[in-house]
Amino acid sequence: MIKELVTKNRSYRRFYEDVPVSLEALRELVDLARLSASAANMQPLKYVLSCERKKNALIFEHLAWAGYLKDWPGPTEGERPSAYIIMLGDTEIAKNVVCDHGIAAQSILLGAVENGLGGCMIASIQREKLREALNIPLRYDILLVLALGKPRETVVIEKMGPEGNVRYWRDAGGCHHVPKRSLEEIIIE
């Protein structure tokens, strides 16, 4: 079961924008993050939720999409996420969130997949512009943005070739291919 969820949990970058994700669904996903492990149990993460078109548009304009796809500027109107979760680090609780945001993001994305959604963890953010657009107080570090919605693309895992190229790519039909190293390659004996 967990292997199937992990395998389905790809970085989806195109969505059915007209398929809504409710605020309650976002709250349930954040609850999974809340229950996840936290370094020293400090629990410094806070979240901004968005499932409204106007707020989504503000968030979208401050994100960069798919760095390896140089000729693709990001999802077009109609293919954009229908929801976002912005992950923040509360510097009044902890100056360094260590790995908490990675653990929490994975919990959220696995929960999304379990509920028929998909997402993309985005770290390429115009942080100060996003902070200004959403009036996020300075005490919060903007760590990640999770784009969420019903996936509008197929993402497949490929065996990495002998040249070791890690770059993902899209074929002529729009299918997104992600090369992965073999298990034998990543285990050192």
N, C-alpha and C. Protein backbone atom coordinates (compact mmCIF):
# COMPACT_ATOMS: atom_id res chain seq x y z
N MET A 1 0.82 -1.20 0.00
CA MET A 1 0.00 0.00 0.00
C MET A 1 0.86 1.26 0.00
N ILE A 2 1.81 1.37 0.92
CA ILE A 2 2.63 2.58 0.99
C ILE A 2 3.50 2.72 -0.26
N LYS A 3 4.02 1.59 -0.79
CA LYS A 3 4.84 1.67 -2.00
C LYS A 3 4.02 2.19 -3.17
N GLU A 4 2.77 1.78 -3.24
CA GLU A 4 1.89 2.26 -4.32
C GLU A 4 1.66 3.77 -4.19
N LEU A 5 1.43 4.25 -2.97
CA LEU A 5 1.24 5.69 -2.75
C LEU A 5 2.50 6.47 -3.11
N VAL A 6 3.65 5.97 -2.68
CA VAL A 6 4.91 6.66 -2.98
C VAL A 6 5.15 6.69 -4.49
N THR A 7 4.88 5.59 -5.16
CA THR A 7 5.08 5.52 -6.61
C THR A 7 4.13 6.47 -7.35
N LYS A 8 2.90 6.61 -6.87
CA LYS A 8 1.94 7.52 -7.50
C LYS A 8 2.21 8.98 -7.15
N ASN A 9 2.98 9.21 -6.10
CA ASN A 9 3.26 10.57 -5.63
C ASN A 9 4.38 11.17 -6.47
N ARG A 10 4.06 11.66 -7.62
CA ARG A 10 5.01 12.29 -8.53
C ARG A 10 4.87 13.80 -8.41
N SER A 11 5.74 14.54 -9.04
CA SER A 11 5.63 15.99 -9.09
C SER A 11 4.74 16.36 -10.28
N TYR A 12 3.46 16.50 -10.00
CA TYR A 12 2.50 16.88 -11.03
C TYR A 12 2.53 18.38 -11.20
N ARG A 13 2.57 18.83 -12.46
CA ARG A 13 2.67 20.25 -12.74
C ARG A 13 1.53 20.78 -13.61
N ARG A 14 0.64 19.89 -14.01
CA ARG A 14 -0.54 20.29 -14.78
C ARG A 14 -1.76 19.65 -14.12
N PHE A 15 -2.81 20.44 -13.96
CA PHE A 15 -3.98 20.01 -13.20
C PHE A 15 -5.26 20.36 -13.95
N TYR A 16 -6.35 19.75 -13.52
CA TYR A 16 -7.68 20.18 -13.95
C TYR A 16 -8.06 21.32 -13.01
N GLU A 17 -7.79 22.53 -13.46
CA GLU A 17 -7.98 23.70 -12.60
C GLU A 17 -9.44 23.88 -12.16
N ASP A 18 -10.36 23.39 -12.98
CA ASP A 18 -11.79 23.55 -12.65
C ASP A 18 -12.29 22.51 -11.65
N VAL A 19 -11.45 21.56 -11.26
CA VAL A 19 -11.84 20.58 -10.23
C VAL A 19 -11.38 21.14 -8.89
N PRO A 20 -12.33 21.56 -8.06
CA PRO A 20 -11.96 22.23 -6.81
C PRO A 20 -11.36 21.29 -5.77
N VAL A 21 -10.55 21.88 -4.91
CA VAL A 21 -10.07 21.23 -3.70
C VAL A 21 -10.62 22.08 -2.56
N SER A 22 -11.37 21.48 -1.68
CA SER A 22 -12.03 22.24 -0.63
C SER A 22 -11.07 22.67 0.48
N LEU A 23 -11.46 23.69 1.19
CA LEU A 23 -10.69 24.13 2.35
C LEU A 23 -10.60 23.01 3.38
N GLU A 24 -11.69 22.27 3.54
CA GLU A 24 -11.68 21.15 4.49
C GLU A 24 -10.66 20.08 4.07
N ALA A 25 -10.57 19.80 2.78
CA ALA A 25 -9.58 18.83 2.29
C ALA A 25 -8.16 19.32 2.60
N LEU A 26 -7.91 20.62 2.41
CA LEU A 26 -6.60 21.18 2.72
C LEU A 26 -6.31 21.07 4.22
N ARG A 27 -7.30 21.34 5.04
CA ARG A 27 -7.13 21.23 6.50
C ARG A 27 -6.81 19.78 6.90
N GLU A 28 -7.45 18.82 6.25
CA GLU A 28 -7.17 17.41 6.55
C GLU A 28 -5.74 17.04 6.15
N LEU A 29 -5.26 17.59 5.04
CA LEU A 29 -3.88 17.33 4.62
C LEU A 29 -2.89 17.95 5.59
N VAL A 30 -3.16 19.16 6.05
CA VAL A 30 -2.28 19.80 7.03
C VAL A 30 -2.32 19.03 8.35
N ASP A 31 -3.44 18.42 8.66
CA ASP A 31 -3.51 17.62 9.89
C ASP A 31 -2.55 16.44 9.81
N LEU A 32 -2.36 15.87 8.62
CA LEU A 32 -1.37 14.80 8.46
C LEU A 32 0.03 15.33 8.77
N ALA A 33 0.31 16.54 8.31
CA ALA A 33 1.61 17.16 8.59
C ALA A 33 1.76 17.42 10.08
N ARG A 34 0.70 17.87 10.72
CA ARG A 34 0.72 18.15 12.15
C ARG A 34 1.08 16.90 12.96
N LEU A 35 0.63 15.76 12.49
CA LEU A 35 0.87 14.50 13.20
C LEU A 35 2.22 13.88 12.87
N SER A 36 2.93 14.45 11.91
CA SER A 36 4.23 13.91 11.48
C SER A 36 5.33 14.28 12.47
N ALA A 37 6.46 13.60 12.33
CA ALA A 37 7.61 13.85 13.18
C ALA A 37 8.12 15.27 13.02
N SER A 38 8.71 15.80 14.11
CA SER A 38 9.29 17.14 14.11
C SER A 38 10.57 17.10 14.94
N ALA A 39 11.65 17.68 14.41
CA ALA A 39 12.93 17.68 15.13
C ALA A 39 12.75 18.30 16.51
N ALA A 40 13.20 17.59 17.53
CA ALA A 40 13.08 18.00 18.94
C ALA A 40 11.62 18.29 19.31
N ASN A 41 10.69 17.84 18.50
CA ASN A 41 9.26 18.06 18.68
C ASN A 41 8.91 19.55 18.84
N MET A 42 9.69 20.40 18.18
CA MET A 42 9.47 21.85 18.28
C MET A 42 8.21 22.30 17.53
N GLN A 43 7.86 21.62 16.46
CA GLN A 43 6.66 21.91 15.68
C GLN A 43 6.59 23.38 15.23
N PRO A 44 7.64 23.84 14.50
CA PRO A 44 7.68 25.24 14.09
C PRO A 44 6.93 25.56 12.80
N LEU A 45 6.33 24.57 12.17
CA LEU A 45 5.70 24.82 10.88
C LEU A 45 4.31 25.43 11.02
N LYS A 46 4.03 26.38 10.15
CA LYS A 46 2.70 26.99 10.04
C LYS A 46 2.33 26.95 8.55
N TYR A 47 1.06 27.16 8.25
CA TYR A 47 0.58 26.96 6.89
C TYR A 47 -0.39 28.05 6.46
N VAL A 48 -0.28 28.44 5.21
CA VAL A 48 -1.26 29.31 4.57
C VAL A 48 -1.98 28.43 3.55
N LEU A 49 -3.30 28.42 3.61
CA LEU A 49 -4.10 27.58 2.71
C LEU A 49 -4.79 28.45 1.67
N SER A 50 -4.87 27.93 0.45
CA SER A 50 -5.56 28.67 -0.60
C SER A 50 -6.29 27.71 -1.54
N CYS A 51 -7.57 27.98 -1.72
CA CYS A 51 -8.36 27.22 -2.70
C CYS A 51 -9.32 28.16 -3.43
N GLU A 52 -9.01 29.44 -3.40
CA GLU A 52 -9.82 30.44 -4.09
C GLU A 52 -9.03 30.98 -5.28
N ARG A 53 -9.70 31.14 -6.40
CA ARG A 53 -9.04 31.55 -7.65
C ARG A 53 -8.17 32.80 -7.51
N LYS A 54 -8.69 33.83 -6.87
CA LYS A 54 -7.97 35.09 -6.77
C LYS A 54 -6.67 34.91 -5.96
N LYS A 55 -6.75 34.26 -4.84
CA LYS A 55 -5.57 34.01 -4.01
C LYS A 55 -4.61 33.06 -4.73
N ASN A 56 -5.15 32.04 -5.40
CA ASN A 56 -4.31 31.11 -6.17
C ASN A 56 -3.52 31.86 -7.23
N ALA A 57 -4.16 32.82 -7.89
CA ALA A 57 -3.49 33.58 -8.94
C ALA A 57 -2.34 34.40 -8.36
N LEU A 58 -2.52 34.96 -7.18
CA LEU A 58 -1.46 35.71 -6.51
C LEU A 58 -0.26 34.81 -6.22
N ILE A 59 -0.55 33.61 -5.75
CA ILE A 59 0.53 32.66 -5.42
C ILE A 59 1.24 32.21 -6.70
N PHE A 60 0.47 31.83 -7.71
CA PHE A 60 1.02 31.30 -8.96
C PHE A 60 2.07 32.22 -9.58
N GLU A 61 1.81 33.52 -9.57
CA GLU A 61 2.71 34.45 -10.25
C GLU A 61 4.07 34.57 -9.58
N HIS A 62 4.24 33.99 -8.40
CA HIS A 62 5.52 34.08 -7.68
C HIS A 62 6.25 32.74 -7.61
N LEU A 63 5.88 31.82 -8.51
CA LEU A 63 6.49 30.48 -8.53
C LEU A 63 7.18 30.22 -9.86
N ALA A 64 8.21 29.39 -9.83
CA ALA A 64 8.86 28.92 -11.06
C ALA A 64 8.58 27.43 -11.18
N TRP A 65 8.39 26.97 -12.41
CA TRP A 65 7.95 25.59 -12.65
C TRP A 65 8.96 24.83 -13.51
N ALA A 66 9.34 23.63 -13.11
CA ALA A 66 10.08 22.66 -13.93
C ALA A 66 11.33 23.23 -14.59
N GLY A 67 12.36 23.43 -13.80
CA GLY A 67 13.60 24.02 -14.28
C GLY A 67 14.24 23.30 -15.46
N TYR A 68 14.08 21.99 -15.56
CA TYR A 68 14.68 21.25 -16.68
C TYR A 68 13.92 21.44 -17.98
N LEU A 69 12.68 21.88 -17.91
CA LEU A 69 11.89 22.07 -19.13
C LEU A 69 12.00 23.54 -19.54
N LYS A 70 13.12 23.87 -20.16
CA LYS A 70 13.47 25.27 -20.47
C LYS A 70 12.46 25.96 -21.39
N ASP A 71 11.79 25.20 -22.25
CA ASP A 71 10.84 25.81 -23.20
C ASP A 71 9.40 25.80 -22.66
N TRP A 72 9.22 25.47 -21.37
CA TRP A 72 7.89 25.41 -20.79
C TRP A 72 7.79 26.40 -19.63
N PRO A 73 6.99 27.46 -19.76
CA PRO A 73 6.93 28.49 -18.72
C PRO A 73 6.08 28.11 -17.51
N GLY A 74 5.45 26.96 -17.55
CA GLY A 74 4.58 26.54 -16.45
C GLY A 74 3.19 26.25 -16.96
N PRO A 75 2.32 25.80 -16.09
CA PRO A 75 0.97 25.44 -16.52
C PRO A 75 0.19 26.65 -17.05
N THR A 76 -0.55 26.41 -18.12
CA THR A 76 -1.36 27.46 -18.71
C THR A 76 -2.67 27.59 -17.95
N GLU A 77 -3.38 28.65 -18.21
CA GLU A 77 -4.69 28.83 -17.60
C GLU A 77 -5.55 27.60 -17.92
N GLY A 78 -6.22 27.09 -16.93
CA GLY A 78 -7.01 25.86 -17.07
C GLY A 78 -6.24 24.63 -16.60
N GLU A 79 -4.90 24.74 -16.52
CA GLU A 79 -4.05 23.62 -16.07
C GLU A 79 -3.33 23.95 -14.76
N ARG A 80 -3.68 25.06 -14.17
CA ARG A 80 -3.01 25.50 -12.95
C ARG A 80 -3.60 24.79 -11.73
N PRO A 81 -2.87 24.76 -10.64
CA PRO A 81 -3.38 24.12 -9.43
C PRO A 81 -4.67 24.77 -8.95
N SER A 82 -5.54 23.97 -8.36
CA SER A 82 -6.77 24.52 -7.80
C SER A 82 -6.62 24.81 -6.31
N ALA A 83 -5.43 24.49 -5.76
CA ALA A 83 -5.18 24.79 -4.35
C ALA A 83 -3.68 24.86 -4.09
N TYR A 84 -3.34 25.53 -3.01
CA TYR A 84 -1.95 25.62 -2.57
C TYR A 84 -1.89 25.51 -1.05
N ILE A 85 -0.79 24.97 -0.58
CA ILE A 85 -0.44 25.04 0.83
C ILE A 85 0.96 25.65 0.88
N ILE A 86 1.06 26.80 1.54
CA ILE A 86 2.35 27.45 1.71
C ILE A 86 2.88 27.05 3.09
N MET A 87 4.07 26.47 3.10
CA MET A 87 4.68 26.02 4.35
C MET A 87 5.61 27.10 4.88
N LEU A 88 5.41 27.46 6.14
CA LEU A 88 6.17 28.51 6.78
C LEU A 88 6.91 27.96 8.00
N GLY A 89 8.05 28.55 8.29
CA GLY A 89 8.77 28.24 9.52
C GLY A 89 8.62 29.41 10.47
N ASP A 90 8.08 29.15 11.65
CA ASP A 90 7.87 30.19 12.66
C ASP A 90 9.18 30.41 13.41
N THR A 91 9.88 31.50 13.10
CA THR A 91 11.19 31.77 13.69
C THR A 91 11.12 32.11 15.18
N GLU A 92 9.93 32.36 15.69
CA GLU A 92 9.78 32.59 17.12
C GLU A 92 9.73 31.28 17.89
N ILE A 93 9.52 30.18 17.17
CA ILE A 93 9.56 28.85 17.79
C ILE A 93 10.93 28.23 17.60
N ALA A 94 11.46 28.30 16.38
CA ALA A 94 12.77 27.73 16.07
C ALA A 94 13.38 28.51 14.91
N LYS A 95 14.66 28.79 15.00
CA LYS A 95 15.36 29.52 13.93
C LYS A 95 15.60 28.62 12.72
N ASN A 96 15.69 27.32 12.93
CA ASN A 96 15.97 26.36 11.87
C ASN A 96 14.95 25.24 11.95
N VAL A 97 14.27 24.97 10.85
CA VAL A 97 13.25 23.91 10.85
C VAL A 97 13.84 22.54 10.56
N VAL A 98 15.16 22.45 10.39
CA VAL A 98 15.89 21.21 10.13
C VAL A 98 15.25 20.51 8.92
N CYS A 99 14.61 19.38 9.12
CA CYS A 99 14.02 18.63 8.01
C CYS A 99 12.50 18.56 8.12
N ASP A 100 11.94 19.28 9.06
CA ASP A 100 10.49 19.20 9.31
C ASP A 100 9.65 19.44 8.07
N HIS A 101 10.02 20.43 7.26
CA HIS A 101 9.18 20.76 6.11
C HIS A 101 9.20 19.66 5.06
N GLY A 102 10.30 18.93 4.94
CA GLY A 102 10.34 17.80 4.00
C GLY A 102 9.45 16.66 4.46
N ILE A 103 9.52 16.36 5.76
CA ILE A 103 8.67 15.31 6.32
C ILE A 103 7.20 15.68 6.17
N ALA A 104 6.87 16.92 6.55
CA ALA A 104 5.48 17.37 6.48
C ALA A 104 4.97 17.41 5.04
N ALA A 105 5.80 17.88 4.12
CA ALA A 105 5.40 17.95 2.71
C ALA A 105 5.11 16.55 2.16
N GLN A 106 5.96 15.60 2.49
CA GLN A 106 5.72 14.22 2.02
C GLN A 106 4.42 13.67 2.60
N SER A 107 4.15 13.95 3.87
CA SER A 107 2.89 13.48 4.47
C SER A 107 1.70 14.09 3.74
N ILE A 108 1.77 15.38 3.46
CA ILE A 108 0.67 16.06 2.75
C ILE A 108 0.49 15.48 1.36
N LEU A 109 1.58 15.30 0.63
CA LEU A 109 1.47 14.80 -0.74
C LEU A 109 1.00 13.36 -0.81
N LEU A 110 1.42 12.53 0.13
CA LEU A 110 0.91 11.15 0.17
C LEU A 110 -0.58 11.15 0.48
N GLY A 111 -1.00 12.03 1.39
CA GLY A 111 -2.43 12.15 1.68
C GLY A 111 -3.21 12.62 0.46
N ALA A 112 -2.62 13.53 -0.29
CA ALA A 112 -3.27 14.02 -1.51
C ALA A 112 -3.47 12.89 -2.51
N VAL A 113 -2.42 12.10 -2.71
CA VAL A 113 -2.51 10.97 -3.65
C VAL A 113 -3.57 9.98 -3.19
N GLU A 114 -3.60 9.70 -1.90
CA GLU A 114 -4.60 8.77 -1.37
C GLU A 114 -6.02 9.24 -1.64
N ASN A 115 -6.19 10.57 -1.77
CA ASN A 115 -7.51 11.15 -2.01
C ASN A 115 -7.75 11.52 -3.48
N GLY A 116 -6.96 10.95 -4.38
CA GLY A 116 -7.17 11.16 -5.81
C GLY A 116 -6.63 12.48 -6.34
N LEU A 117 -5.80 13.14 -5.54
CA LEU A 117 -5.20 14.39 -5.96
C LEU A 117 -3.72 14.17 -6.25
N GLY A 118 -3.06 15.21 -6.67
CA GLY A 118 -1.63 15.17 -6.88
C GLY A 118 -1.07 16.52 -6.53
N GLY A 119 0.24 16.60 -6.47
CA GLY A 119 0.83 17.87 -6.11
C GLY A 119 2.26 18.00 -6.56
N CYS A 120 2.81 19.15 -6.30
CA CYS A 120 4.19 19.44 -6.62
C CYS A 120 4.77 20.30 -5.51
N MET A 121 5.92 19.89 -5.01
CA MET A 121 6.64 20.63 -3.98
C MET A 121 7.50 21.67 -4.69
N ILE A 122 7.28 22.93 -4.42
CA ILE A 122 7.99 24.00 -5.13
C ILE A 122 8.83 24.80 -4.13
N ALA A 123 10.13 24.88 -4.43
CA ALA A 123 11.04 25.69 -3.61
C ALA A 123 11.54 26.90 -4.37
N SER A 124 11.29 26.95 -5.68
CA SER A 124 11.70 28.09 -6.50
C SER A 124 10.60 29.14 -6.43
N ILE A 125 10.74 30.01 -5.42
CA ILE A 125 9.69 30.96 -5.05
C ILE A 125 10.29 32.36 -4.96
N GLN A 126 9.57 33.32 -5.46
CA GLN A 126 9.95 34.73 -5.22
C GLN A 126 9.42 35.07 -3.82
N ARG A 127 10.20 34.71 -2.83
CA ARG A 127 9.73 34.74 -1.45
C ARG A 127 9.27 36.12 -0.97
N GLU A 128 10.06 37.11 -1.20
CA GLU A 128 9.69 38.44 -0.68
C GLU A 128 8.48 39.00 -1.41
N LYS A 129 8.36 38.74 -2.68
CA LYS A 129 7.19 39.20 -3.43
C LYS A 129 5.93 38.45 -2.97
N LEU A 130 6.07 37.15 -2.71
CA LEU A 130 4.93 36.37 -2.21
C LEU A 130 4.55 36.85 -0.80
N ARG A 131 5.55 37.09 0.04
CA ARG A 131 5.29 37.60 1.39
C ARG A 131 4.47 38.89 1.32
N GLU A 132 4.88 39.78 0.42
CA GLU A 132 4.19 41.06 0.26
C GLU A 132 2.78 40.88 -0.27
N ALA A 133 2.62 40.02 -1.27
CA ALA A 133 1.31 39.81 -1.89
C ALA A 133 0.29 39.24 -0.90
N LEU A 134 0.76 38.40 0.01
CA LEU A 134 -0.16 37.74 0.96
C LEU A 134 -0.07 38.31 2.37
N ASN A 135 0.73 39.36 2.54
CA ASN A 135 0.90 39.97 3.86
C ASN A 135 1.35 38.95 4.92
N ILE A 136 2.36 38.17 4.58
CA ILE A 136 2.89 37.18 5.52
C ILE A 136 3.89 37.89 6.44
N PRO A 137 3.66 37.86 7.73
CA PRO A 137 4.56 38.55 8.67
C PRO A 137 6.01 38.05 8.58
N LEU A 138 6.94 38.93 8.89
CA LEU A 138 8.38 38.63 8.80
C LEU A 138 8.83 37.49 9.71
N ARG A 139 8.10 37.22 10.76
CA ARG A 139 8.51 36.15 11.68
C ARG A 139 8.45 34.77 11.01
N TYR A 140 7.76 34.67 9.87
CA TYR A 140 7.61 33.39 9.17
C TYR A 140 8.53 33.32 7.95
N ASP A 141 9.39 32.31 7.92
CA ASP A 141 10.18 32.03 6.73
C ASP A 141 9.32 31.23 5.76
N ILE A 142 9.30 31.64 4.50
CA ILE A 142 8.58 30.88 3.48
C ILE A 142 9.50 29.75 3.04
N LEU A 143 9.08 28.52 3.30
CA LEU A 143 9.91 27.35 3.05
C LEU A 143 9.59 26.66 1.72
N LEU A 144 8.35 26.31 1.53
CA LEU A 144 7.91 25.59 0.33
C LEU A 144 6.49 26.01 -0.01
N VAL A 145 6.14 25.82 -1.27
CA VAL A 145 4.76 25.93 -1.70
C VAL A 145 4.38 24.58 -2.30
N LEU A 146 3.28 24.03 -1.82
CA LEU A 146 2.75 22.79 -2.39
C LEU A 146 1.58 23.15 -3.29
N ALA A 147 1.73 22.86 -4.57
CA ALA A 147 0.66 23.06 -5.55
C ALA A 147 -0.16 21.78 -5.58
N LEU A 148 -1.48 21.90 -5.52
CA LEU A 148 -2.35 20.73 -5.41
C LEU A 148 -3.53 20.81 -6.36
N GLY A 149 -4.00 19.65 -6.77
CA GLY A 149 -5.18 19.55 -7.61
C GLY A 149 -5.31 18.17 -8.19
N LYS A 150 -6.29 18.02 -9.05
CA LYS A 150 -6.47 16.75 -9.76
C LYS A 150 -5.50 16.75 -10.94
N PRO A 151 -4.57 15.78 -10.98
CA PRO A 151 -3.55 15.77 -12.04
C PRO A 151 -4.16 15.69 -13.44
N ARG A 152 -3.57 16.47 -14.34
CA ARG A 152 -4.00 16.49 -15.74
C ARG A 152 -2.89 15.92 -16.63
N GLU A 153 -1.93 15.28 -16.03
CA GLU A 153 -0.83 14.72 -16.80
C GLU A 153 -0.47 13.36 -16.24
N THR A 154 0.20 12.60 -17.08
CA THR A 154 0.73 11.30 -16.67
C THR A 154 2.21 11.48 -16.41
N VAL A 155 2.65 10.98 -15.27
CA VAL A 155 4.06 11.02 -14.92
C VAL A 155 4.51 9.57 -14.73
N VAL A 156 5.56 9.18 -15.44
CA VAL A 156 6.06 7.81 -15.34
C VAL A 156 7.51 7.80 -14.89
N ILE A 157 7.84 6.76 -14.13
CA ILE A 157 9.21 6.57 -13.69
C ILE A 157 9.94 5.74 -14.73
N GLU A 158 11.13 6.19 -15.10
CA GLU A 158 11.96 5.50 -16.08
C GLU A 158 13.24 5.00 -15.41
N LYS A 159 13.77 3.92 -15.93
CA LYS A 159 15.09 3.46 -15.50
C LYS A 159 16.13 4.46 -16.01
N MET A 160 17.01 4.89 -15.13
CA MET A 160 18.04 5.84 -15.55
C MET A 160 19.01 5.14 -16.50
N GLY A 161 19.35 5.82 -17.57
CA GLY A 161 20.28 5.27 -18.55
C GLY A 161 21.70 5.22 -18.03
N PRO A 162 22.58 4.55 -18.76
CA PRO A 162 23.97 4.38 -18.32
C PRO A 162 24.74 5.70 -18.23
N GLU A 163 24.27 6.74 -18.93
CA GLU A 163 24.94 8.04 -18.86
C GLU A 163 24.64 8.78 -17.57
N GLY A 164 23.65 8.30 -16.79
CA GLY A 164 23.34 8.89 -15.49
C GLY A 164 22.59 10.21 -15.55
N ASN A 165 21.89 10.47 -16.64
CA ASN A 165 21.16 11.73 -16.79
C ASN A 165 19.93 11.73 -15.87
N VAL A 166 19.85 12.71 -14.97
CA VAL A 166 18.75 12.80 -14.01
C VAL A 166 17.62 13.72 -14.49
N ARG A 167 17.79 14.36 -15.63
CA ARG A 167 16.80 15.34 -16.10
C ARG A 167 15.50 14.66 -16.53
N TYR A 168 14.40 15.17 -15.98
CA TYR A 168 13.09 14.70 -16.42
C TYR A 168 12.78 15.35 -17.76
N TRP A 169 11.81 14.78 -18.48
CA TRP A 169 11.50 15.27 -19.81
C TRP A 169 10.07 14.91 -20.18
N ARG A 170 9.57 15.56 -21.21
CA ARG A 170 8.23 15.27 -21.72
C ARG A 170 8.33 14.76 -23.15
N ASP A 171 7.53 13.73 -23.44
CA ASP A 171 7.52 13.23 -24.81
C ASP A 171 6.52 14.04 -25.64
N ALA A 172 6.40 13.70 -26.92
CA ALA A 172 5.55 14.46 -27.84
C ALA A 172 4.09 14.44 -27.41
N GLY A 173 3.67 13.40 -26.68
CA GLY A 173 2.29 13.31 -26.20
C GLY A 173 2.06 14.01 -24.88
N GLY A 174 3.10 14.64 -24.33
CA GLY A 174 2.96 15.37 -23.07
C GLY A 174 3.16 14.53 -21.82
N CYS A 175 3.52 13.26 -21.99
CA CYS A 175 3.77 12.40 -20.84
C CYS A 175 5.11 12.81 -20.22
N HIS A 176 5.11 12.97 -18.92
CA HIS A 176 6.28 13.44 -18.18
C HIS A 176 7.07 12.21 -17.70
N HIS A 177 8.35 12.14 -18.05
CA HIS A 177 9.21 10.99 -17.72
C HIS A 177 10.25 11.41 -16.69
N VAL A 178 10.41 10.59 -15.66
CA VAL A 178 11.34 10.89 -14.56
C VAL A 178 12.30 9.72 -14.39
N PRO A 179 13.59 9.91 -14.73
CA PRO A 179 14.56 8.83 -14.55
C PRO A 179 14.91 8.65 -13.07
N LYS A 180 15.03 7.39 -12.66
CA LYS A 180 15.38 7.07 -11.27
C LYS A 180 16.56 6.10 -11.27
N ARG A 181 17.47 6.30 -10.33
CA ARG A 181 18.59 5.39 -10.15
C ARG A 181 18.06 4.04 -9.67
N SER A 182 18.78 2.97 -9.96
CA SER A 182 18.36 1.64 -9.53
C SER A 182 18.64 1.47 -8.04
N LEU A 183 17.97 0.54 -7.42
CA LEU A 183 18.18 0.24 -6.01
C LEU A 183 19.63 -0.20 -5.77
N GLU A 184 20.16 -0.98 -6.69
CA GLU A 184 21.53 -1.46 -6.57
C GLU A 184 22.54 -0.30 -6.58
N GLU A 185 22.22 0.75 -7.34
CA GLU A 185 23.12 1.88 -7.45
C GLU A 185 23.16 2.73 -6.18
N ILE A 186 22.07 2.75 -5.44
CA ILE A 186 22.03 3.65 -4.29
C ILE A 186 22.38 2.99 -2.96
N ILE A 187 22.47 1.67 -2.93
CA ILE A 187 22.88 0.97 -1.70
C ILE A 187 24.35 0.68 -1.77
N ILE A 188 25.08 1.17 -0.79
CA ILE A 188 26.53 0.95 -0.72
C ILE A 188 26.80 -0.14 0.30
N GLU A 189 27.54 -1.14 -0.12
CA GLU A 189 27.81 -2.26 0.78
C GLU A 189 29.19 -2.16 1.38
